[in-house]
Amino acid sequence: MKALSKLAAFAFLGAVAFAAPSLAALKAGAKAPDFTAQAYLAGQPFTFKLADALKKGPVVVYFFPAAHTPGCNLEAHLFSEAVEQFKAHNATVIGVTAGNVNELADFSKETEHCGGKFPVAADPGAKIAKQYDAILSMKPEWSSRTSYVISPSGSIAHVYSDLNPNQHVKETLDAVKAMQK
């Protein structure tokens, strides 16, 4: 019986570790990797450049696993509902994903997702996600659900990593507000 309990505990811990996103290695104060990516806003393609966005103020870069998946749909919707609050603090929001990148044009304009209110960028091969250590451990070709707030100077101001999409907006908006105090 004791061996069975140990095996069950080991299996549980393994499942939790497998399902969890990798812990973000970039900590507050670290230099954010610069990137340029193909992005979509309201279905229209454009090139997103982090360096250009930082000239306007802080940038929230939120990585999500894949367009048109339940948690990612919810997270995009929550960001779309709050985007005006971010803009009120001169913050830019951009979602970045390595999953279902061929669906981003539609995802960016659909009302139940981004609603054309903020851009989403394609990260084929998860190259950007790897630079930010935002890789989904159970599916390493996809990004994890990790959000970064980057200060205009290019340093990481805040990091939040959790597969549950519910707190990403609150965490990042609170961090953006704290930067202005």
Protein backbone atom coordinates (compact mmCIF):
# COMPACT_ATOMS: atom_id res chain seq x y z
CA MET A 1 0.00 0.00 0.00
CA LYS A 2 2.85 2.38 0.85
CA ALA A 3 4.45 1.78 -2.55
CA LEU A 4 1.12 2.49 -4.25
CA SER A 5 0.79 5.81 -2.37
CA LYS A 6 4.30 6.81 -3.40
CA LEU A 7 3.59 5.87 -7.00
CA ALA A 8 0.34 7.88 -6.96
CA ALA A 9 2.11 10.91 -5.48
CA PHE A 10 4.90 10.66 -8.05
CA ALA A 11 2.37 10.36 -10.89
CA PHE A 12 0.46 13.39 -9.60
CA LEU A 13 3.61 15.53 -9.33
CA GLY A 14 4.69 14.44 -12.79
CA ALA A 15 1.31 15.34 -14.26
CA VAL A 16 1.38 18.76 -12.59
CA ALA A 17 4.91 19.44 -13.85
CA PHE A 18 3.98 18.29 -17.35
CA ALA A 19 0.87 20.44 -17.51
CA ALA A 20 2.42 23.60 -16.06
CA PRO A 21 3.97 26.27 -18.23
CA SER A 22 7.68 26.67 -17.87
CA LEU A 23 8.53 29.22 -15.22
CA ALA A 24 9.48 32.49 -16.83
CA ALA A 25 13.23 32.88 -16.61
CA LEU A 26 13.19 36.58 -17.41
CA LYS A 27 12.81 38.40 -14.13
CA ALA A 28 11.90 41.98 -13.36
CA GLY A 29 14.84 44.20 -14.20
CA ALA A 30 16.16 41.98 -17.01
CA LYS A 31 16.47 43.40 -20.53
CA ALA A 32 13.53 42.33 -22.69
CA PRO A 33 14.60 40.66 -25.95
CA ASP A 34 13.74 42.89 -28.89
CA PHE A 35 11.62 41.33 -31.62
CA THR A 36 9.83 42.04 -34.85
CA ALA A 37 6.89 39.87 -35.91
CA GLN A 38 4.11 39.54 -38.47
CA ALA A 39 1.00 40.74 -36.66
CA TYR A 40 -2.68 41.33 -37.30
CA LEU A 41 -5.02 44.04 -36.10
CA ALA A 42 -8.69 43.74 -37.06
CA GLY A 43 -7.67 41.19 -39.68
CA GLN A 44 -5.12 43.48 -41.34
CA PRO A 45 -1.48 42.34 -41.48
CA PHE A 46 1.37 44.60 -40.36
CA THR A 47 4.85 44.29 -38.91
CA PHE A 48 5.02 44.75 -35.14
CA LYS A 49 8.31 46.08 -33.77
CA LEU A 50 8.76 46.04 -30.02
CA ALA A 51 11.32 48.87 -30.20
CA ASP A 52 8.79 51.13 -31.94
CA ALA A 53 6.02 50.29 -29.47
CA LEU A 54 8.29 51.07 -26.50
CA LYS A 55 8.76 54.62 -27.81
CA LYS A 56 5.07 55.21 -26.99
CA GLY A 57 5.13 53.77 -23.46
CA PRO A 58 5.06 50.42 -21.66
CA VAL A 59 4.25 47.28 -23.63
CA VAL A 60 2.30 44.27 -22.40
CA VAL A 61 3.50 41.22 -24.31
CA TYR A 62 1.25 38.33 -23.45
CA PHE A 63 2.12 34.92 -24.80
CA PHE A 64 -0.74 32.47 -25.34
CA PRO A 65 -0.71 28.86 -26.56
CA ALA A 66 -2.95 29.00 -29.66
CA ALA A 67 -5.69 31.00 -31.35
CA HIS A 68 -9.18 29.54 -31.23
CA THR A 69 -8.67 27.45 -28.11
CA PRO A 70 -10.89 27.95 -25.04
CA GLY A 71 -8.42 29.55 -22.61
CA CYS A 72 -6.85 31.71 -25.29
CA ASN A 73 -10.24 32.85 -26.55
CA LEU A 74 -11.16 33.93 -23.01
CA GLU A 75 -7.82 35.66 -22.40
CA ALA A 76 -8.05 37.62 -25.67
CA HIS A 77 -11.60 38.66 -24.82
CA LEU A 78 -10.54 39.82 -21.35
CA PHE A 79 -7.70 41.89 -22.82
CA SER A 80 -10.07 43.37 -25.42
CA GLU A 81 -12.45 44.44 -22.65
CA ALA A 82 -9.59 46.17 -20.78
CA VAL A 83 -7.59 47.60 -23.68
CA GLU A 84 -8.88 51.15 -23.17
CA GLN A 85 -7.61 51.05 -19.58
CA PHE A 86 -4.16 50.08 -20.86
CA LYS A 87 -4.28 52.85 -23.47
CA ALA A 88 -5.19 55.37 -20.74
CA HIS A 89 -1.74 54.60 -19.30
CA ASN A 90 -0.05 54.82 -22.74
CA ALA A 91 0.48 51.05 -22.74
CA THR A 92 0.43 48.89 -25.85
CA VAL A 93 -0.97 45.35 -25.62
CA ILE A 94 0.13 42.61 -28.01
CA GLY A 95 -0.64 38.91 -27.89
CA VAL A 96 2.01 36.55 -29.26
CA THR A 97 1.47 32.90 -30.14
CA ALA A 98 3.25 30.03 -31.81
CA GLY A 99 0.04 28.00 -32.11
CA ASN A 100 -2.47 28.17 -34.97
CA VAL A 101 -0.66 31.15 -36.50
CA ASN A 102 -2.58 30.66 -39.75
CA GLU A 103 -5.76 31.66 -37.86
CA LEU A 104 -4.51 34.95 -36.41
CA ALA A 105 -6.03 37.27 -39.01
CA ASP A 106 -9.53 36.01 -38.16
CA PHE A 107 -8.76 35.76 -34.43
CA SER A 108 -7.69 39.42 -34.39
CA LYS A 109 -10.99 40.69 -35.76
CA GLU A 110 -13.56 38.37 -34.19
CA THR A 111 -15.63 40.17 -31.55
CA GLU A 112 -15.54 37.24 -29.14
CA HIS A 113 -11.73 37.35 -29.16
CA CYS A 114 -9.61 40.45 -29.86
CA GLY A 115 -12.42 42.35 -31.53
CA GLY A 116 -9.96 44.42 -33.54
CA LYS A 117 -8.92 46.27 -30.38
CA PHE A 118 -5.31 45.08 -30.09
CA PRO A 119 -2.89 43.15 -32.31
CA VAL A 120 -1.77 39.54 -32.14
CA ALA A 121 1.55 38.40 -33.57
CA ALA A 122 2.62 35.13 -35.13
CA ASP A 123 5.60 33.33 -33.66
CA PRO A 124 6.20 30.36 -35.98
CA GLY A 125 8.59 27.91 -34.42
CA ALA A 126 8.17 29.67 -31.04
CA LYS A 127 11.37 31.67 -31.63
CA ILE A 128 10.19 34.73 -29.70
CA ALA A 129 8.66 32.58 -26.95
CA LYS A 130 12.00 30.81 -26.51
CA GLN A 131 13.78 34.15 -26.04
CA TYR A 132 11.26 34.98 -23.31
CA ASP A 133 11.30 31.46 -21.84
CA ALA A 134 7.58 31.23 -22.51
CA ILE A 135 7.36 27.69 -23.88
CA LEU A 136 4.51 25.34 -23.03
CA SER A 137 6.20 22.31 -21.48
CA MET A 138 3.57 19.83 -22.67
CA LYS A 139 3.71 21.16 -26.24
CA PRO A 140 7.08 22.90 -26.78
CA GLU A 141 6.17 24.11 -30.26
CA TRP A 142 3.58 26.39 -28.60
CA SER A 143 4.02 29.29 -26.25
CA SER A 144 2.93 29.15 -22.63
CA ARG A 145 0.49 31.57 -21.05
CA THR A 146 3.02 34.11 -19.76
CA SER A 147 2.56 37.87 -19.64
CA TYR A 148 5.32 40.46 -19.48
CA VAL A 149 5.09 44.18 -18.83
CA ILE A 150 8.05 45.91 -20.44
CA SER A 151 9.02 49.43 -19.41
CA PRO A 152 9.75 52.07 -22.07
CA SER A 153 13.47 51.63 -21.26
CA GLY A 154 13.20 48.02 -22.45
CA SER A 155 13.48 46.28 -19.09
CA ILE A 156 11.05 43.73 -17.71
CA ALA A 157 8.83 45.42 -15.13
CA HIS A 158 6.55 42.49 -14.33
CA VAL A 159 6.12 38.80 -15.20
CA TYR A 160 3.09 36.59 -14.65
CA SER A 161 2.88 32.97 -15.77
CA ASP A 162 -0.22 30.83 -15.23
CA LEU A 163 -2.19 28.58 -17.58
CA ASN A 164 -5.39 29.97 -16.10
CA PRO A 165 -6.20 33.08 -18.20
CA ASN A 166 -8.31 34.84 -15.58
CA GLN A 167 -5.66 36.96 -13.80
CA HIS A 168 -3.39 38.03 -16.67
CA VAL A 169 -5.24 41.28 -17.35
CA LYS A 170 -5.39 42.26 -13.68
CA GLU A 171 -1.72 41.40 -13.11
CA THR A 172 -0.48 43.35 -16.11
CA LEU A 173 -2.81 46.32 -15.69
CA ASP A 174 -1.82 46.66 -12.02
CA ALA A 175 1.85 46.57 -13.06
CA VAL A 176 1.31 49.23 -15.73
CA LYS A 177 -0.46 51.46 -13.20
CA ALA A 178 2.31 50.94 -10.63
CA MET A 179 4.88 52.16 -13.17
CA GLN A 180 3.20 55.56 -13.21
CA LYS A 181 3.26 56.12 -9.46
